[in-house]
Amino acid sequence: MDTMPTYTRSWTEIEWMLAEAQEQMLEQRAKFNHRKRIRDKEGCRRAAAKFARAKGMADVLTWVIGGKGAPDPMAGFEEVGENQFIGDRFRSYMNRV
């Protein structure tokens, strides 16, 4: 890394970002389910990608804050296998959430 981090974010800013990420997760899950019902495959993909981005943000921010039971945001990367289709994993995840 060429730049030095300044660490100027306040806890309030971090908590606000976490709330925004959680709100986006809910919104994108609803959009995914709606687009699934109307059979909009491309819309499903967009909503899934946005949900994954928001979930990643929420996991990292929860970990940064030190939330109780906060998962390691890097856990799970080694679970993705060559022979398992990512879309199947996401649909399986969305059905559990």
PDB file of N, CA and C in Angstrom:
ATOM      1  N   MET A   1       0.848  -1.178   0.000  1.00  0.00           N
ATOM      2  CA  MET A   1       0.000   0.000   0.000  1.00  0.00           C
ATOM      3  C   MET A   1       0.891   1.238   0.000  1.00  0.00           C
ATOM      4  N   ASP A   2       0.650   2.130  -0.959  1.00  0.00           N
ATOM      5  CA  ASP A   2       1.481   3.316  -1.117  1.00  0.00           C
ATOM      6  C   ASP A   2       1.078   4.454  -0.197  1.00  0.00           C
ATOM      7  N   THR A   3      -0.172   4.505   0.217  1.00  0.00           N
ATOM      8  CA  THR A   3      -0.624   5.612   1.047  1.00  0.00           C
ATOM      9  C   THR A   3      -0.751   5.165   2.493  1.00  0.00           C
ATOM     10  N   MET A   4      -0.592   6.104   3.362  1.00  0.00           N
ATOM     11  CA  MET A   4      -0.745   5.822   4.792  1.00  0.00           C
ATOM     12  C   MET A   4      -2.188   6.106   5.197  1.00  0.00           C
ATOM     13  N   PRO A   5      -2.863   5.150   5.833  1.00  0.00           N
ATOM     14  CA  PRO A   5      -4.238   5.407   6.265  1.00  0.00           C
ATOM     15  C   PRO A   5      -4.268   6.479   7.347  1.00  0.00           C
ATOM     16  N   THR A   6      -5.320   7.272   7.345  1.00  0.00           N
ATOM     17  CA  THR A   6      -5.414   8.363   8.319  1.00  0.00           C
ATOM     18  C   THR A   6      -6.313   8.016   9.503  1.00  0.00           C
ATOM     19  N   TYR A   7      -7.186   7.027   9.341  1.00  0.00           N
ATOM     20  CA  TYR A   7      -8.081   6.621  10.423  1.00  0.00           C
ATOM     21  C   TYR A   7      -8.856   7.800  11.006  1.00  0.00           C
ATOM     22  N   THR A   8      -9.490   8.557  10.133  1.00  0.00           N
ATOM     23  CA  THR A   8     -10.232   9.724  10.594  1.00  0.00           C
ATOM     24  C   THR A   8     -11.733   9.463  10.713  1.00  0.00           C
ATOM     25  N   ARG A   9     -12.180   8.272  10.467  1.00  0.00           N
ATOM     26  CA  ARG A   9     -13.608   7.964  10.575  1.00  0.00           C
ATOM     27  C   ARG A   9     -14.004   7.847  12.034  1.00  0.00           C
ATOM     28  N   SER A  10     -15.157   8.395  12.349  1.00  0.00           N
ATOM     29  CA  SER A  10     -15.655   8.295  13.719  1.00  0.00           C
ATOM     30  C   SER A  10     -16.487   7.027  13.852  1.00  0.00           C
ATOM     31  N   TRP A  11     -16.730   6.605  15.088  1.00  0.00           N
ATOM     32  CA  TRP A  11     -17.584   5.434  15.313  1.00  0.00           C
ATOM     33  C   TRP A  11     -18.990   5.698  14.794  1.00  0.00           C
ATOM     34  N   THR A  12     -19.431   6.936  14.900  1.00  0.00           N
ATOM     35  CA  THR A  12     -20.760   7.287  14.396  1.00  0.00           C
ATOM     36  C   THR A  12     -20.843   7.058  12.890  1.00  0.00           C
ATOM     37  N   GLU A  13     -19.795   7.472  12.167  1.00  0.00           N
ATOM     38  CA  GLU A  13     -19.766   7.251  10.719  1.00  0.00           C
ATOM     39  C   GLU A  13     -19.768   5.759  10.381  1.00  0.00           C
ATOM     40  N   ILE A  14     -18.990   4.989  11.104  1.00  0.00           N
ATOM     41  CA  ILE A  14     -18.911   3.552  10.858  1.00  0.00           C
ATOM     42  C   ILE A  14     -20.253   2.891  11.157  1.00  0.00           C
ATOM     43  N   GLU A  15     -20.884   3.271  12.257  1.00  0.00           N
ATOM     44  CA  GLU A  15     -22.192   2.702  12.602  1.00  0.00           C
ATOM     45  C   GLU A  15     -23.256   3.112  11.580  1.00  0.00           C
ATOM     46  N   TRP A  16     -23.173   4.336  11.056  1.00  0.00           N
ATOM     47  CA  TRP A  16     -24.097   4.784  10.025  1.00  0.00           C
ATOM     48  C   TRP A  16     -23.902   3.953   8.755  1.00  0.00           C
ATOM     49  N   MET A  17     -22.644   3.720   8.372  1.00  0.00           N
ATOM     50  CA  MET A  17     -22.357   2.894   7.195  1.00  0.00           C
ATOM     51  C   MET A  17     -22.896   1.484   7.375  1.00  0.00           C
ATOM     52  N   LEU A  18     -22.767   0.941   8.573  1.00  0.00           N
ATOM     53  CA  LEU A  18     -23.285  -0.393   8.858  1.00  0.00           C
ATOM     54  C   LEU A  18     -24.800  -0.417   8.686  1.00  0.00           C
ATOM     55  N   ALA A  19     -25.483   0.581   9.214  1.00  0.00           N
ATOM     56  CA  ALA A  19     -26.943   0.647   9.069  1.00  0.00           C
ATOM     57  C   ALA A  19     -27.338   0.752   7.598  1.00  0.00           C
ATOM     58  N   GLU A  20     -26.597   1.539   6.826  1.00  0.00           N
ATOM     59  CA  GLU A  20     -26.870   1.666   5.389  1.00  0.00           C
ATOM     60  C   GLU A  20     -26.669   0.334   4.667  1.00  0.00           C
ATOM     61  N   ALA A  21     -25.594  -0.372   5.018  1.00  0.00           N
ATOM     62  CA  ALA A  21     -25.325  -1.664   4.385  1.00  0.00           C
ATOM     63  C   ALA A  21     -26.429  -2.668   4.720  1.00  0.00           C
ATOM     64  N   GLN A  22     -26.874  -2.674   5.972  1.00  0.00           N
ATOM     65  CA  GLN A  22     -27.948  -3.588   6.366  1.00  0.00           C
ATOM     66  C   GLN A  22     -29.249  -3.250   5.649  1.00  0.00           C
ATOM     67  N   GLU A  23     -29.524  -1.964   5.481  1.00  0.00           N
ATOM     68  CA  GLU A  23     -30.721  -1.538   4.759  1.00  0.00           C
ATOM     69  C   GLU A  23     -30.645  -1.970   3.293  1.00  0.00           C
ATOM     70  N   GLN A  24     -29.462  -1.831   2.694  1.00  0.00           N
ATOM     71  CA  GLN A  24     -29.275  -2.260   1.312  1.00  0.00           C
ATOM     72  C   GLN A  24     -29.463  -3.775   1.160  1.00  0.00           C
ATOM     73  N   MET A  25     -29.010  -4.533   2.150  1.00  0.00           N
ATOM     74  CA  MET A  25     -29.208  -5.986   2.103  1.00  0.00           C
ATOM     75  C   MET A  25     -30.698  -6.313   2.026  1.00  0.00           C
ATOM     76  N   LEU A  26     -31.487  -5.679   2.872  1.00  0.00           N
ATOM     77  CA  LEU A  26     -32.931  -5.926   2.867  1.00  0.00           C
ATOM     78  C   LEU A  26     -33.560  -5.505   1.548  1.00  0.00           C
ATOM     79  N   GLU A  27     -33.173  -4.336   1.062  1.00  0.00           N
ATOM     80  CA  GLU A  27     -33.732  -3.824  -0.179  1.00  0.00           C
ATOM     81  C   GLU A  27     -33.382  -4.724  -1.363  1.00  0.00           C
ATOM     82  N   GLN A  28     -32.139  -5.151  -1.448  1.00  0.00           N
ATOM     83  CA  GLN A  28     -31.719  -5.976  -2.580  1.00  0.00           C
ATOM     84  C   GLN A  28     -32.310  -7.385  -2.506  1.00  0.00           C
ATOM     85  N   ARG A  29     -32.509  -7.893  -1.299  1.00  0.00           N
ATOM     86  CA  ARG A  29     -33.154  -9.202  -1.170  1.00  0.00           C
ATOM     87  C   ARG A  29     -34.595  -9.111  -1.662  1.00  0.00           C
ATOM     88  N   ALA A  30     -35.279  -8.031  -1.321  1.00  0.00           N
ATOM     89  CA  ALA A  30     -36.651  -7.842  -1.785  1.00  0.00           C
ATOM     90  C   ALA A  30     -36.682  -7.708  -3.307  1.00  0.00           C
ATOM     91  N   LYS A  31     -35.745  -6.962  -3.858  1.00  0.00           N
ATOM     92  CA  LYS A  31     -35.678  -6.813  -5.317  1.00  0.00           C
ATOM     93  C   LYS A  31     -35.385  -8.151  -5.983  1.00  0.00           C
ATOM     94  N   PHE A  32     -34.470  -8.924  -5.400  1.00  0.00           N
ATOM     95  CA  PHE A  32     -34.158 -10.241  -5.946  1.00  0.00           C
ATOM     96  C   PHE A  32     -35.411 -11.116  -5.988  1.00  0.00           C
ATOM     97  N   ASN A  33     -36.150 -11.158  -4.882  1.00  0.00           N
ATOM     98  CA  ASN A  33     -37.364 -11.986  -4.823  1.00  0.00           C
ATOM     99  C   ASN A  33     -38.423 -11.508  -5.815  1.00  0.00           C
ATOM    100  N   HIS A  34     -38.570 -10.188  -5.953  1.00  0.00           N
ATOM    101  CA  HIS A  34     -39.527  -9.641  -6.914  1.00  0.00           C
ATOM    102  C   HIS A  34     -39.133 -10.021  -8.339  1.00  0.00           C
ATOM    103  N   ARG A  35     -37.864  -9.835  -8.663  1.00  0.00           N
ATOM    104  CA  ARG A  35     -37.406 -10.133 -10.022  1.00  0.00           C
ATOM    105  C   ARG A  35     -37.459 -11.634 -10.309  1.00  0.00           C
ATOM    106  N   LYS A  36     -37.277 -12.422  -9.276  1.00  0.00           N
ATOM    107  CA  LYS A  36     -37.408 -13.873  -9.443  1.00  0.00           C
ATOM    108  C   LYS A  36     -38.846 -14.234  -9.800  1.00  0.00           C
ATOM    109  N   ARG A  37     -39.810 -13.586  -9.132  1.00  0.00           N
ATOM    110  CA  ARG A  37     -41.228 -13.845  -9.413  1.00  0.00           C
ATOM    111  C   ARG A  37     -41.614 -13.454 -10.833  1.00  0.00           C
ATOM    112  N   ILE A  38     -41.045 -12.340 -11.326  1.00  0.00           N
ATOM    113  CA  ILE A  38     -41.402 -11.886 -12.678  1.00  0.00           C
ATOM    114  C   ILE A  38     -40.455 -12.456 -13.736  1.00  0.00           C
ATOM    115  N   ARG A  39     -39.563 -13.322 -13.312  1.00  0.00           N
ATOM    116  CA  ARG A  39     -38.629 -14.033 -14.209  1.00  0.00           C
ATOM    117  C   ARG A  39     -37.689 -13.086 -14.963  1.00  0.00           C
ATOM    118  N   ASP A  40     -37.159 -12.104 -14.234  1.00  0.00           N
ATOM    119  CA  ASP A  40     -36.181 -11.162 -14.791  1.00  0.00           C
ATOM    120  C   ASP A  40     -34.792 -11.643 -14.386  1.00  0.00           C
ATOM    121  N   LYS A  41     -34.188 -12.465 -15.236  1.00  0.00           N
ATOM    122  CA  LYS A  41     -32.911 -13.095 -14.908  1.00  0.00           C
ATOM    123  C   LYS A  41     -31.794 -12.071 -14.701  1.00  0.00           C
ATOM    124  N   GLU A  42     -31.706 -11.085 -15.584  1.00  0.00           N
ATOM    125  CA  GLU A  42     -30.660 -10.065 -15.454  1.00  0.00           C
ATOM    126  C   GLU A  42     -30.873  -9.221 -14.191  1.00  0.00           C
ATOM    127  N   GLY A  43     -32.128  -8.897 -13.884  1.00  0.00           N
ATOM    128  CA  GLY A  43     -32.434  -8.154 -12.661  1.00  0.00           C
ATOM    129  C   GLY A  43     -32.057  -8.945 -11.421  1.00  0.00           C
ATOM    130  N   CYS A  44     -32.279 -10.254 -11.463  1.00  0.00           N
ATOM    131  CA  CYS A  44     -31.885 -11.126 -10.349  1.00  0.00           C
ATOM    132  C   CYS A  44     -30.372 -11.064 -10.140  1.00  0.00           C
ATOM    133  N   ARG A  45     -29.640 -11.102 -11.224  1.00  0.00           N
ATOM    134  CA  ARG A  45     -28.172 -11.053 -11.121  1.00  0.00           C
ATOM    135  C   ARG A  45     -27.701  -9.735 -10.511  1.00  0.00           C
ATOM    136  N   ARG A  46     -28.294  -8.643 -10.982  1.00  0.00           N
ATOM    137  CA  ARG A  46     -27.899  -7.335 -10.421  1.00  0.00           C
ATOM    138  C   ARG A  46     -28.215  -7.260  -8.940  1.00  0.00           C
ATOM    139  N   ALA A  47     -29.427  -7.673  -8.566  1.00  0.00           N
ATOM    140  CA  ALA A  47     -29.822  -7.623  -7.153  1.00  0.00           C
ATOM    141  C   ALA A  47     -28.929  -8.535  -6.313  1.00  0.00           C
ATOM    142  N   ALA A  48     -28.582  -9.698  -6.846  1.00  0.00           N
ATOM    143  CA  ALA A  48     -27.708 -10.625  -6.124  1.00  0.00           C
ATOM    144  C   ALA A  48     -26.327 -10.022  -5.903  1.00  0.00           C
ATOM    145  N   ALA A  49     -25.797  -9.366  -6.935  1.00  0.00           N
ATOM    146  CA  ALA A  49     -24.479  -8.743  -6.808  1.00  0.00           C
ATOM    147  C   ALA A  49     -24.508  -7.607  -5.792  1.00  0.00           C
ATOM    148  N   LYS A  50     -25.554  -6.803  -5.839  1.00  0.00           N
ATOM    149  CA  LYS A  50     -25.662  -5.688  -4.888  1.00  0.00           C
ATOM    150  C   LYS A  50     -25.870  -6.202  -3.463  1.00  0.00           C
ATOM    151  N   PHE A  51     -26.634  -7.282  -3.314  1.00  0.00           N
ATOM    152  CA  PHE A  51     -26.819  -7.879  -1.998  1.00  0.00           C
ATOM    153  C   PHE A  51     -25.482  -8.376  -1.455  1.00  0.00           C
ATOM    154  N   ALA A  52     -24.713  -9.062  -2.292  1.00  0.00           N
ATOM    155  CA  ALA A  52     -23.420  -9.601  -1.867  1.00  0.00           C
ATOM    156  C   ALA A  52     -22.470  -8.484  -1.451  1.00  0.00           C
ATOM    157  N   ARG A  53     -22.488  -7.388  -2.209  1.00  0.00           N
ATOM    158  CA  ARG A  53     -21.628  -6.247  -1.856  1.00  0.00           C
ATOM    159  C   ARG A  53     -22.038  -5.667  -0.504  1.00  0.00           C
ATOM    160  N   ALA A  54     -23.341  -5.488  -0.295  1.00  0.00           N
ATOM    161  CA  ALA A  54     -23.829  -4.935   0.976  1.00  0.00           C
ATOM    162  C   ALA A  54     -23.531  -5.881   2.132  1.00  0.00           C
ATOM    163  N   LYS A  55     -23.680  -7.188   1.914  1.00  0.00           N
ATOM    164  CA  LYS A  55     -23.398  -8.155   2.969  1.00  0.00           C
ATOM    165  C   LYS A  55     -21.922  -8.128   3.339  1.00  0.00           C
ATOM    166  N   GLY A  56     -21.073  -8.028   2.327  1.00  0.00           N
ATOM    167  CA  GLY A  56     -19.641  -7.928   2.598  1.00  0.00           C
ATOM    168  C   GLY A  56     -19.312  -6.702   3.428  1.00  0.00           C
ATOM    169  N   MET A  57     -19.923  -5.578   3.072  1.00  0.00           N
ATOM    170  CA  MET A  57     -19.713  -4.345   3.849  1.00  0.00           C
ATOM    171  C   MET A  57     -20.200  -4.526   5.281  1.00  0.00           C
ATOM    172  N   ALA A  58     -21.392  -5.094   5.441  1.00  0.00           N
ATOM    173  CA  ALA A  58     -21.952  -5.279   6.779  1.00  0.00           C
ATOM    174  C   ALA A  58     -21.070  -6.206   7.616  1.00  0.00           C
ATOM    175  N   ASP A  59     -20.582  -7.287   7.016  1.00  0.00           N
ATOM    176  CA  ASP A  59     -19.714  -8.214   7.751  1.00  0.00           C
ATOM    177  C   ASP A  59     -18.431  -7.535   8.210  1.00  0.00           C
ATOM    178  N   VAL A  60     -17.818  -6.789   7.307  1.00  0.00           N
ATOM    179  CA  VAL A  60     -16.561  -6.108   7.654  1.00  0.00           C
ATOM    180  C   VAL A  60     -16.792  -5.050   8.721  1.00  0.00           C
ATOM    181  N   LEU A  61     -17.824  -4.232   8.555  1.00  0.00           N
ATOM    182  CA  LEU A  61     -18.075  -3.170   9.537  1.00  0.00           C
ATOM    183  C   LEU A  61     -18.460  -3.732  10.904  1.00  0.00           C
ATOM    184  N   THR A  62     -19.223  -4.810  10.916  1.00  0.00           N
ATOM    185  CA  THR A  62     -19.562  -5.454  12.193  1.00  0.00           C
ATOM    186  C   THR A  62     -18.299  -5.958  12.861  1.00  0.00           C
ATOM    187  N   TRP A  63     -17.402  -6.526  12.079  1.00  0.00           N
ATOM    188  CA  TRP A  63     -16.129  -7.027  12.614  1.00  0.00           C
ATOM    189  C   TRP A  63     -15.281  -5.867  13.144  1.00  0.00           C
ATOM    190  N   VAL A  64     -15.252  -4.750  12.403  1.00  0.00           N
ATOM    191  CA  VAL A  64     -14.461  -3.576  12.819  1.00  0.00           C
ATOM    192  C   VAL A  64     -14.987  -3.036  14.142  1.00  0.00           C
ATOM    193  N   ILE A  65     -16.295  -2.923  14.254  1.00  0.00           N
ATOM    194  CA  ILE A  65     -16.903  -2.401  15.475  1.00  0.00           C
ATOM    195  C   ILE A  65     -16.673  -3.353  16.646  1.00  0.00           C
ATOM    196  N   GLY A  66     -16.523  -4.633  16.314  1.00  0.00           N
ATOM    197  CA  GLY A  66     -16.323  -5.624  17.367  1.00  0.00           C
ATOM    198  C   GLY A  66     -17.638  -6.132  17.905  1.00  0.00           C
ATOM    199  N   GLY A  67     -18.625  -6.206  17.019  1.00  0.00           N
ATOM    200  CA  GLY A  67     -19.943  -6.691  17.413  1.00  0.00           C
ATOM    201  C   GLY A  67     -19.878  -8.093  17.982  1.00  0.00           C
ATOM    202  N   LYS A  68     -20.768  -8.376  18.911  1.00  0.00           N
ATOM    203  CA  LYS A  68     -20.787  -9.682  19.561  1.00  0.00           C
ATOM    204  C   LYS A  68     -21.051 -10.769  18.518  1.00  0.00           C
ATOM    205  N   GLY A  69     -20.188 -11.755  18.487  1.00  0.00           N
ATOM    206  CA  GLY A  69     -20.322 -12.851  17.542  1.00  0.00           C
ATOM    207  C   GLY A  69     -20.032 -12.469  16.104  1.00  0.00           C
ATOM    208  N   ALA A  70     -19.320 -11.363  15.905  1.00  0.00           N
ATOM    209  CA  ALA A  70     -19.023 -10.906  14.550  1.00  0.00           C
ATOM    210  C   ALA A  70     -18.157 -11.943  13.838  1.00  0.00           C
ATOM    211  N   PRO A  71     -18.606 -12.392  12.663  1.00  0.00           N
ATOM    212  CA  PRO A  71     -17.825 -13.395  11.937  1.00  0.00           C
ATOM    213  C   PRO A  71     -16.575 -12.773  11.321  1.00  0.00           C
ATOM    214  N   ASP A  72     -15.576 -13.590  11.111  1.00  0.00           N
ATOM    215  CA  ASP A  72     -14.376 -13.152  10.415  1.00  0.00           C
ATOM    216  C   ASP A  72     -14.771 -12.876   8.966  1.00  0.00           C
ATOM    217  N   PRO A  73     -14.607 -11.642   8.479  1.00  0.00           N
ATOM    218  CA  PRO A  73     -15.062 -11.322   7.129  1.00  0.00           C
ATOM    219  C   PRO A  73     -14.322 -12.102   6.042  1.00  0.00           C
ATOM    220  N   MET A  74     -13.188 -12.662   6.343  1.00  0.00           N
ATOM    221  CA  MET A  74     -12.437 -13.434   5.351  1.00  0.00           C
ATOM    222  C   MET A  74     -12.781 -14.923   5.393  1.00  0.00           C
ATOM    223  N   ALA A  75     -13.565 -15.350   6.367  1.00  0.00           N
ATOM    224  CA  ALA A  75     -13.933 -16.762   6.469  1.00  0.00           C
ATOM    225  C   ALA A  75     -14.849 -17.135   5.315  1.00  0.00           C
ATOM    226  N   GLY A  76     -14.673 -18.304   4.799  1.00  0.00           N
ATOM    227  CA  GLY A  76     -15.543 -18.797   3.755  1.00  0.00           C
ATOM    228  C   GLY A  76     -14.967 -18.725   2.360  1.00  0.00           C
ATOM    229  N   PHE A  77     -13.907 -17.967   2.155  1.00  0.00           N
ATOM    230  CA  PHE A  77     -13.335 -17.877   0.819  1.00  0.00           C
ATOM    231  C   PHE A  77     -12.780 -19.216   0.357  1.00  0.00           C
ATOM    232  N   GLU A  78     -12.264 -19.994   1.293  1.00  0.00           N
ATOM    233  CA  GLU A  78     -11.691 -21.280   0.927  1.00  0.00           C
ATOM    234  C   GLU A  78     -12.756 -22.330   0.629  1.00  0.00           C
ATOM    235  N   GLU A  79     -14.039 -22.042   0.930  1.00  0.00           N
ATOM    236  CA  GLU A  79     -15.106 -23.007   0.719  1.00  0.00           C
ATOM    237  C   GLU A  79     -15.559 -23.100  -0.731  1.00  0.00           C
ATOM    238  N   VAL A  80     -15.277 -22.118  -1.533  1.00  0.00           N
ATOM    239  CA  VAL A  80     -15.737 -22.117  -2.914  1.00  0.00           C
ATOM    240  C   VAL A  80     -14.912 -23.119  -3.706  1.00  0.00           C
ATOM    241  N   GLY A  81     -15.596 -24.139  -4.222  1.00  0.00           N
ATOM    242  CA  GLY A  81     -14.907 -25.179  -4.978  1.00  0.00           C
ATOM    243  C   GLY A  81     -14.999 -24.930  -6.471  1.00  0.00           C
ATOM    244  N   GLU A  82     -14.123 -25.562  -7.204  1.00  0.00           N
ATOM    245  CA  GLU A  82     -14.093 -25.424  -8.656  1.00  0.00           C
ATOM    246  C   GLU A  82     -15.358 -25.983  -9.297  1.00  0.00           C
ATOM    247  N   ASN A  83     -15.927 -27.031  -8.719  1.00  0.00           N
ATOM    248  CA  ASN A  83     -17.040 -27.715  -9.378  1.00  0.00           C
ATOM    249  C   ASN A  83     -18.414 -27.279  -8.872  1.00  0.00           C
ATOM    250  N   GLN A  84     -18.483 -26.263  -8.046  1.00  0.00           N
ATOM    251  CA  GLN A  84     -19.781 -25.795  -7.568  1.00  0.00           C
ATOM    252  C   GLN A  84     -20.092 -24.443  -8.197  1.00  0.00           C
ATOM    253  N   PHE A  85     -21.227 -24.340  -8.836  1.00  0.00           N
ATOM    254  CA  PHE A  85     -21.630 -23.116  -9.509  1.00  0.00           C
ATOM    255  C   PHE A  85     -21.973 -22.058  -8.480  1.00  0.00           C
ATOM    256  N   ILE A  86     -21.410 -20.865  -8.619  1.00  0.00           N
ATOM    257  CA  ILE A  86     -21.602 -19.778  -7.666  1.00  0.00           C
ATOM    258  C   ILE A  86     -23.079 -19.411  -7.538  1.00  0.00           C
ATOM    259  N   GLY A  87     -23.814 -19.377  -8.632  1.00  0.00           N
ATOM    260  CA  GLY A  87     -25.236 -19.040  -8.577  1.00  0.00           C
ATOM    261  C   GLY A  87     -26.011 -19.980  -7.684  1.00  0.00           C
ATOM    262  N   ASP A  88     -25.663 -21.269  -7.700  1.00  0.00           N
ATOM    263  CA  ASP A  88     -26.326 -22.237  -6.825  1.00  0.00           C
ATOM    264  C   ASP A  88     -26.050 -21.916  -5.365  1.00  0.00           C
ATOM    265  N   ARG A  89     -24.805 -21.548  -5.062  1.00  0.00           N
ATOM    266  CA  ARG A  89     -24.446 -21.195  -3.676  1.00  0.00           C
ATOM    267  C   ARG A  89     -25.233 -19.969  -3.225  1.00  0.00           C
ATOM    268  N   PHE A  90     -25.362 -18.965  -4.113  1.00  0.00           N
ATOM    269  CA  PHE A  90     -26.067 -17.748  -3.735  1.00  0.00           C
ATOM    270  C   PHE A  90     -27.551 -18.032  -3.498  1.00  0.00           C
ATOM    271  N   ARG A  91     -28.181 -18.775  -4.416  1.00  0.00           N
ATOM    272  CA  ARG A  91     -29.601 -19.105  -4.239  1.00  0.00           C
ATOM    273  C   ARG A  91     -29.817 -19.874  -2.946  1.00  0.00           C
ATOM    274  N   SER A  92     -28.919 -20.790  -2.655  1.00  0.00           N
ATOM    275  CA  SER A  92     -29.016 -21.559  -1.409  1.00  0.00           C
ATOM    276  C   SER A  92     -28.899 -20.615  -0.212  1.00  0.00           C
ATOM    277  N   TYR A  93     -27.971 -19.657  -0.273  1.00  0.00           N
ATOM    278  CA  TYR A  93     -27.799 -18.691   0.806  1.00  0.00           C
ATOM    279  C   TYR A  93     -29.040 -17.826   0.970  1.00  0.00           C
ATOM    280  N   MET A  94     -29.572 -17.320  -0.147  1.00  0.00           N
ATOM    281  CA  MET A  94     -30.742 -16.435  -0.096  1.00  0.00           C
ATOM    282  C   MET A  94     -31.954 -17.154   0.478  1.00  0.00           C
ATOM    283  N   ASN A  95     -32.075 -18.441   0.244  1.00  0.00           N
ATOM    284  CA  ASN A  95     -33.194 -19.197   0.794  1.00  0.00           C
ATOM    285  C   ASN A  95     -33.067 -19.388   2.302  1.00  0.00           C
ATOM    286  N   ARG A  96     -31.830 -19.379   2.816  1.00  0.00           N
ATOM    287  CA  ARG A  96     -31.621 -19.546   4.260  1.00  0.00           C
ATOM    288  C   ARG A  96     -31.812 -18.251   5.022  1.00  0.00           C
ATOM    289  N   VAL A  97     -31.534 -17.107   4.372  1.00  0.00           N
ATOM    290  CA  VAL A  97     -31.567 -15.799   5.051  1.00  0.00           C
ATOM    291  C   VAL A  97     -32.995 -15.357   5.274  1.00  0.00           C
TER     292      VAL A  97
END
